Protein backbone atom coordinates (compact mmCIF):
# COMPACT_ATOMS: atom_id res chain seq x y z
CA MET A 1 14.27 -16.94 46.41
CA SER A 2 13.45 -14.27 43.72
CA ALA A 3 12.21 -11.75 46.12
CA TYR A 4 15.35 -12.15 48.36
CA ALA A 5 17.72 -11.67 45.07
CA ALA A 6 15.51 -8.58 44.33
CA GLN A 7 16.18 -7.14 48.03
CA HIS A 8 19.93 -8.46 48.09
CA LEU A 9 21.64 -7.62 44.85
CA GLY A 10 24.93 -9.39 44.31
CA PRO A 11 26.19 -12.70 42.46
CA GLU A 12 25.13 -15.17 45.27
CA ALA A 13 21.53 -13.59 45.22
CA ALA A 14 21.46 -13.77 41.51
CA GLU A 15 22.42 -17.25 41.41
CA TRP A 16 19.48 -18.10 43.77
CA ALA A 17 17.09 -16.05 41.47
CA PHE A 18 18.51 -18.10 38.45
CA VAL A 19 17.83 -21.67 40.44
CA ALA A 20 14.54 -20.22 41.15
CA GLN A 21 13.62 -19.78 37.70
CA GLU A 22 15.08 -23.04 36.63
CA ARG A 23 12.87 -24.90 39.13
CA VAL A 24 9.53 -22.93 37.81
CA THR A 25 10.66 -23.92 34.14
CA GLU A 26 11.57 -27.40 35.11
CA CYS A 27 7.92 -27.98 37.11
CA THR A 28 6.27 -26.33 33.83
CA TYR A 29 7.91 -28.81 31.35
CA ARG A 30 6.97 -31.96 33.84
CA ILE A 31 3.53 -30.70 34.11
CA ASP A 32 3.22 -30.50 30.22
CA GLU A 33 4.77 -34.00 29.97
CA GLY A 34 2.24 -35.29 32.18
CA ALA A 35 4.31 -35.97 35.26
CA GLY A 36 2.70 -37.80 38.26
CA GLN A 37 1.77 -36.12 41.40
CA ASP A 38 4.84 -38.14 43.16
CA GLU A 39 7.29 -36.64 40.92
CA LEU A 40 5.60 -33.08 41.05
CA GLN A 41 5.80 -33.42 45.05
CA GLY A 42 9.46 -34.15 44.74
CA LEU A 43 10.27 -31.25 42.66
CA ALA A 44 8.48 -29.19 45.26
CA ASP A 45 10.22 -30.60 48.11
CA ALA A 46 13.39 -29.86 46.51
CA ALA A 47 12.69 -26.37 46.03
CA ARG A 48 11.37 -25.84 49.41
CA GLY A 49 14.42 -27.59 50.57
CA GLU A 50 16.84 -24.93 49.04
CA LEU A 51 14.38 -22.04 50.25
CA ALA A 52 14.74 -23.51 53.79
CA ALA A 53 18.78 -23.66 53.43
CA LEU A 54 18.71 -20.21 52.35
CA MET A 55 16.77 -19.38 55.65
CA LEU A 56 19.45 -21.25 57.32
CA GLY A 57 22.12 -19.47 55.95
CA LEU A 58 20.61 -16.07 56.42
CA LEU A 59 20.04 -16.97 60.14
CA ASP A 60 23.60 -18.05 60.51
CA GLU A 61 25.05 -14.65 59.10
CA ALA A 62 22.86 -12.95 62.17
CA GLY A 63 24.78 -15.00 64.75
CA PRO A 64 24.75 -18.12 66.68
CA MET A 65 21.53 -19.41 67.02
CA THR A 66 19.66 -19.26 70.66
CA ALA A 67 16.77 -20.56 72.34
CA GLU A 68 15.55 -16.96 72.58
CA ARG A 69 16.08 -16.36 68.81
CA LEU A 70 14.48 -19.71 67.73
CA ALA A 71 11.49 -18.56 69.85
CA ALA A 72 11.28 -15.22 68.15
CA LEU A 73 11.00 -16.58 64.73
CA ASP A 74 7.92 -15.64 62.49
CA ALA A 75 5.42 -18.42 61.87
CA ASP A 76 6.05 -19.17 58.38
CA THR A 77 10.03 -19.23 59.09
CA LEU A 78 9.54 -21.44 61.74
CA ALA A 79 6.89 -23.62 59.85
CA LEU A 80 9.39 -24.15 56.97
CA LEU A 81 12.22 -25.10 59.29
CA ASN A 82 10.19 -27.48 61.17
CA TRP A 83 9.26 -29.13 58.08
CA TYR A 84 13.10 -29.37 57.18
CA ALA A 85 14.16 -30.67 60.25
CA ALA A 86 11.30 -33.25 60.41
CA PRO A 87 11.27 -35.67 62.00
CA TRP A 88 13.79 -34.43 64.20
CA PRO A 89 13.58 -31.06 66.56
CA VAL A 90 14.53 -27.99 64.65
CA ARG A 91 17.09 -27.05 67.32
CA TRP A 92 19.03 -29.87 65.98
CA LEU A 93 19.46 -27.85 62.32
CA TRP A 94 22.27 -25.73 64.30
CA PRO A 95 25.10 -27.13 66.56
CA PRO A 96 24.60 -27.80 70.10
CA GLU A 97 25.95 -25.46 72.87
CA THR A 98 29.69 -26.34 73.90
CA ASP A 99 31.59 -25.23 77.01
CA ALA A 100 35.08 -23.32 76.70
CA HIS A 101 36.97 -26.11 75.13
CA GLY A 102 34.17 -26.77 72.26
CA VAL A 103 32.82 -29.92 73.99
CA ALA A 104 29.10 -30.18 73.66
CA LEU A 105 27.44 -29.56 76.91
CA ARG A 106 24.42 -32.04 75.94
CA PRO A 107 25.82 -34.45 73.37
CA ARG A 108 23.36 -35.39 71.12
CA ILE A 109 22.20 -39.18 70.51
CA VAL A 110 19.87 -40.80 68.58
CA ASN A 111 18.04 -43.97 70.32
CA LEU A 112 16.55 -46.27 67.21
CA PHE A 113 14.11 -48.86 68.17
CA HIS A 114 13.53 -47.19 71.28
CA GLY A 115 10.45 -48.84 72.68
CA PRO A 116 9.03 -47.53 76.19
CA GLY A 117 12.47 -46.45 77.23
CA GLY A 118 14.60 -48.99 78.94
CA TRP A 119 17.96 -47.63 77.56
CA SER A 120 16.84 -44.13 78.02
CA GLU A 121 16.13 -44.99 82.00
CA GLY A 122 19.45 -46.35 82.32
CA ILE A 123 21.56 -43.65 80.53
CA CYS A 124 19.43 -40.64 82.10
CA ARG A 125 18.27 -42.05 85.49
CA VAL A 126 21.07 -44.59 86.28
CA LEU A 127 23.95 -43.16 84.93
CA GLY A 128 22.74 -39.66 85.51
CA ALA A 129 24.01 -38.45 82.16
CA ASP A 130 22.92 -35.08 80.48
CA VAL A 131 22.34 -35.90 76.99
CA ASP A 132 20.22 -34.46 74.33
CA MET A 133 18.67 -38.01 73.26
CA ILE A 134 15.73 -38.55 70.79
CA GLY A 135 14.27 -41.90 70.48
CA VAL A 136 12.52 -43.47 67.34
CA ASP A 137 9.88 -45.92 67.48
CA LEU A 138 7.24 -47.14 65.22
CA ASP A 139 4.65 -48.22 67.91
CA PRO A 140 2.90 -45.28 69.17
CA GLY A 141 2.04 -46.71 72.47
CA ALA A 142 5.75 -47.16 73.24
CA ALA A 143 6.67 -43.90 72.34
CA ALA A 144 3.73 -42.45 74.39
CA THR A 145 5.11 -44.63 77.37
CA ALA A 146 8.51 -43.16 76.82
CA ASN A 147 7.18 -39.54 76.85
CA ALA A 148 5.26 -39.82 79.57
CA ALA A 149 8.20 -41.18 81.66
CA GLY A 150 9.91 -37.91 80.57
CA HIS A 151 11.96 -38.96 77.59
CA VAL A 152 11.67 -37.56 74.02
CA CYS A 153 10.52 -40.37 71.58
CA ILE A 154 9.03 -39.81 68.11
CA VAL A 155 6.88 -42.11 66.35
CA ALA A 156 8.61 -42.92 62.79
CA ASP A 157 9.80 -45.92 60.72
CA VAL A 158 13.34 -46.46 61.41
CA ALA A 159 13.84 -47.95 57.92
CA ALA A 160 12.55 -44.45 56.23
CA LEU A 161 14.89 -42.39 57.99
CA ASP A 162 17.45 -40.61 55.89
CA PRO A 163 20.86 -40.98 57.76
CA GLU A 164 22.10 -38.04 55.98
CA HIS A 165 19.74 -35.72 57.07
CA PRO A 166 21.26 -32.25 57.78
CA ALA A 167 19.54 -32.37 61.42
CA LEU A 168 22.05 -35.22 62.23
CA GLN A 169 25.30 -33.72 61.45
CA TRP A 170 26.07 -33.09 65.13
CA VAL A 171 24.79 -36.30 66.63
CA VAL A 172 27.80 -38.06 68.39
CA GLY A 173 26.24 -41.39 69.38
CA VAL A 174 23.58 -43.99 68.55
CA ILE A 175 21.82 -46.52 70.30
CA LEU A 176 20.19 -49.52 68.12
CA SER A 177 18.33 -52.36 69.44
CA PRO A 178 16.21 -53.64 66.81
CA PRO A 179 13.72 -56.40 67.16
CA CYS A 180 15.04 -59.77 67.95
CA GLN A 181 12.07 -62.22 66.95
CA ALA A 182 13.74 -63.03 63.62
CA PHE A 183 16.72 -64.26 65.51
CA SER A 184 15.30 -65.50 68.98
CA PRO A 185 12.91 -68.28 70.32
CA ALA A 186 10.17 -65.28 70.47
CA GLY A 187 9.67 -65.62 66.67
CA ARG A 188 10.32 -68.27 63.93
CA ARG A 189 13.93 -67.61 63.71
CA ARG A 190 13.73 -66.71 59.94
CA GLY A 191 16.92 -64.34 60.51
CA HIS A 192 19.10 -67.43 60.93
CA GLU A 193 18.57 -69.14 57.55
CA VAL A 194 21.74 -68.90 55.21
CA ALA A 195 19.81 -67.09 52.47
CA ALA A 196 18.57 -64.20 55.22
CA ILE A 197 22.08 -64.00 56.34
CA GLU A 198 23.54 -63.71 53.33
CA LEU A 199 20.96 -60.92 51.94
CA VAL A 200 21.75 -58.87 55.06
CA ARG A 201 25.75 -59.06 54.46
CA SER A 202 25.28 -58.13 51.12
CA VAL A 203 23.12 -55.11 51.75
CA ILE A 204 25.48 -54.17 54.42
CA ARG A 205 28.27 -54.07 51.73
CA SER A 206 26.08 -52.10 49.67
CA VAL A 207 25.68 -49.42 52.42
CA GLY A 208 29.41 -49.30 52.62
CA GLY A 209 29.54 -48.56 49.21
CA ALA A 210 26.44 -46.27 49.06
CA ALA A 211 28.22 -44.10 51.80
CA GLY A 212 31.67 -44.18 50.32
CA TYR A 213 33.22 -46.46 53.28
CA LEU A 214 34.45 -49.64 51.13
CA GLN A 215 38.17 -49.75 51.68
CA THR A 216 40.16 -50.80 48.49
CA VAL A 217 43.72 -51.79 48.24
CA HIS A 218 46.76 -51.82 45.48
CA ALA A 219 47.85 -54.71 43.72
CA ASP A 220 50.44 -55.02 46.44
CA GLY A 221 48.11 -55.37 49.22
CA SER A 222 48.56 -51.73 50.66
CA ASP A 223 45.88 -49.52 51.58
CA ALA A 224 44.24 -47.66 48.67
CA GLY A 225 41.78 -45.75 50.62
CA CYS A 226 37.96 -45.92 50.06
CA ALA A 227 36.21 -46.15 46.80
CA PRO A 228 33.89 -43.57 45.41
CA ARG A 229 30.35 -43.64 46.52
CA SER A 230 28.20 -46.17 44.39
CA GLY A 231 25.65 -43.75 43.71
CA GLU A 232 22.95 -45.98 45.14
CA THR A 233 20.15 -44.09 47.16
CA TRP A 234 19.11 -45.32 50.48
CA PRO A 235 15.77 -46.41 49.39
CA GLU A 236 17.35 -48.45 46.47
CA VAL A 237 19.76 -49.91 49.34
CA ARG A 238 17.10 -50.79 51.59
CA ALA A 239 14.70 -52.28 48.78
CA GLN A 240 17.30 -55.11 48.41
CA LEU A 241 15.90 -56.31 51.82
CA ALA A 242 12.40 -57.04 50.47
CA GLY A 243 13.34 -60.67 49.55
CA LEU A 244 13.49 -61.54 53.19
CA GLU A 245 10.52 -63.59 54.54
CA ASP A 246 10.79 -61.82 58.01
CA GLU A 247 11.52 -58.14 57.19
CA ARG A 248 12.33 -57.65 61.04
CA ALA A 249 15.72 -59.39 60.14
CA GLY A 250 16.67 -56.79 57.66
CA LEU A 251 16.51 -54.03 60.28
CA MET A 252 19.91 -55.37 61.32
CA ALA A 253 21.14 -53.38 58.43
CA GLU A 254 19.85 -50.35 59.72
CA ALA A 255 22.69 -50.35 62.35
CA ALA A 256 25.19 -49.98 59.35
CA ILE A 257 23.04 -47.17 57.70
């Protein structure tokens, strides 16, 4: 950031240089105070994220991102953007190609709890829909089966994904088929217990508060719009599910998240 500021004089560049120096100072104080590795890594990731955002802005200034431009990026820039986009494809950091009416040619869809690919088979092969769909599953074997069948499935924990990731801002559809063992005869049906249902409902309400989607009303019962965001982080919201006997029941809350 400091090097960029030196090459591009102006108020905005000076601000980036100040932020960079501020990061260095903050890290220095944290090290002197005996900060742990996790805290220092968090500061490093924040700085790296700012650098990636700066790089995206510079690339946007040069015009629409095309497959050809993306392929021509130098190795360091591409590595930074891949880190920033992870676990999603780097192309998702830019809007999809659209037709003359501004409609995406290949709408983006996230398919959570993808498994070997039943939903993808139906959407792409049976319905013949041309969509840019990324599946997510925790099971490497299921993901490998899906990818071998021609679908795109990444191995990741759905409960660890950031719903506000910058790569998701142009996603227009989501498919969720969380495991049913906590609710069906295939498991012990722990999800049907009153305490489990109440906990999941409470967490879903916390999701609305964290996202700023909780509706409020005036004293006369009229709509007052949404309440401000609660300030809870997504890890804090999800941490409430730790009290479930069967953690799979908590995955129902991921639909709201």
